[in-house]
């Protein structure tokens, strides 16, 4: 094998990156949290749509009130309130 095909020492040098790079990690954390919030609100919207079709009597039987249905559903689906 010819020697000029092998990589030279100049090409194989690595670029040093700081070990601690807080900004991208912070951005990634915020993006992941945002995606989680979107999923929570999507689940709450789907649950609200299903529950809002019930009569007031059926909601009362399930321990829910039409007046607070949106708040109760959002609180149920919101991960921030999990213990």
Protein backbone atom coordinates (compact mmCIF):
# COMPACT_ATOMS: atom_id res chain seq x y z
CA UNK A 1 0.00 0.00 0.00
CA UNK A 2 1.47 3.40 -0.91
CA UNK A 3 2.43 5.64 1.99
CA UNK A 4 0.65 8.71 0.59
CA UNK A 5 -2.79 7.10 1.07
CA UNK A 6 -2.39 6.91 4.84
CA UNK A 7 -3.51 10.03 6.74
CA UNK A 8 -0.78 12.41 7.69
CA UNK A 9 -0.19 13.62 11.22
CA UNK A 10 -1.68 17.03 10.35
CA UNK A 11 -5.04 15.52 9.39
CA UNK A 12 -5.37 13.31 12.45
CA UNK A 13 -4.95 16.13 14.97
CA UNK A 14 -8.01 16.56 17.15
CA UNK A 15 -9.70 19.78 18.07
CA UNK A 16 -10.02 20.30 21.79
CA UNK A 17 -13.53 21.14 22.95
CA UNK A 18 -14.15 22.43 26.48
CA UNK A 19 -15.49 19.68 28.72
CA UNK A 20 -18.15 21.92 30.23
CA UNK A 21 -20.36 23.60 27.67
CA UNK A 22 -23.39 24.77 29.70
CA UNK A 23 -25.26 26.66 27.03
CA UNK A 24 -26.04 23.76 24.66
CA UNK A 25 -26.97 21.51 27.58
CA UNK A 26 -29.27 24.21 28.92
CA UNK A 27 -30.85 24.61 25.50
CA UNK A 28 -31.31 20.85 25.17
CA UNK A 29 -32.93 20.70 28.60
CA UNK A 30 -35.34 23.48 27.67
CA UNK A 31 -36.22 21.84 24.34
CA UNK A 32 -36.90 18.51 26.04
CA UNK A 33 -39.08 20.27 28.64
CA UNK A 34 -40.97 22.08 25.88
CA UNK A 35 -41.62 18.81 24.03
CA UNK A 36 -42.87 17.27 27.28
CA UNK A 37 -45.22 20.22 27.83
CA UNK A 38 -46.56 19.87 24.28
CA UNK A 39 -47.24 16.18 24.88
CA UNK A 40 -48.97 16.97 28.19
CA UNK A 41 -51.25 19.59 26.65
CA UNK A 42 -52.04 17.35 23.67
CA UNK A 43 -53.07 14.55 26.04
CA UNK A 44 -55.15 17.01 28.08
CA UNK A 45 -56.90 18.28 24.96
CA UNK A 46 -57.77 14.75 23.85
CA UNK A 47 -59.05 13.84 27.33
CA UNK A 48 -61.08 17.06 27.56
CA UNK A 49 -62.66 16.38 24.18
CA UNK A 50 -63.76 12.93 25.30
CA UNK A 51 -65.03 14.03 28.72
CA UNK A 52 -66.84 17.13 27.46
CA UNK A 53 -69.14 14.88 25.41
CA UNK A 54 -70.58 13.40 28.63
CA UNK A 55 -73.71 14.78 30.25
CA UNK A 56 -73.52 16.77 33.46
CA UNK A 57 -74.96 13.78 35.35
CA UNK A 58 -72.25 11.46 33.99
CA UNK A 59 -69.53 13.96 34.88
CA UNK A 60 -70.94 14.23 38.42
CA UNK A 61 -70.94 10.43 38.71
CA UNK A 62 -67.23 10.50 37.83
CA UNK A 63 -66.57 13.21 40.41
CA UNK A 64 -66.08 16.00 37.88
CA UNK A 65 -67.78 19.32 37.30
CA UNK A 66 -68.27 20.94 33.92
CA UNK A 67 -67.22 24.27 35.44
CA UNK A 68 -63.77 22.97 36.41
CA UNK A 69 -63.35 20.26 33.79
CA UNK A 70 -60.61 22.01 31.80
CA UNK A 71 -58.59 22.81 34.92
CA UNK A 72 -58.96 19.28 36.32
CA UNK A 73 -57.95 17.64 33.06
CA UNK A 74 -54.89 19.90 32.64
CA UNK A 75 -53.79 19.23 36.20
CA UNK A 76 -54.16 15.49 35.62
CA UNK A 77 -52.03 15.52 32.44
CA UNK A 78 -49.39 18.02 33.58
CA UNK A 79 -46.11 16.27 34.49
CA UNK A 80 -44.92 19.21 36.58
CA UNK A 81 -47.43 18.31 39.29
CA UNK A 82 -46.43 14.64 39.57
CA UNK A 83 -44.99 13.67 42.97
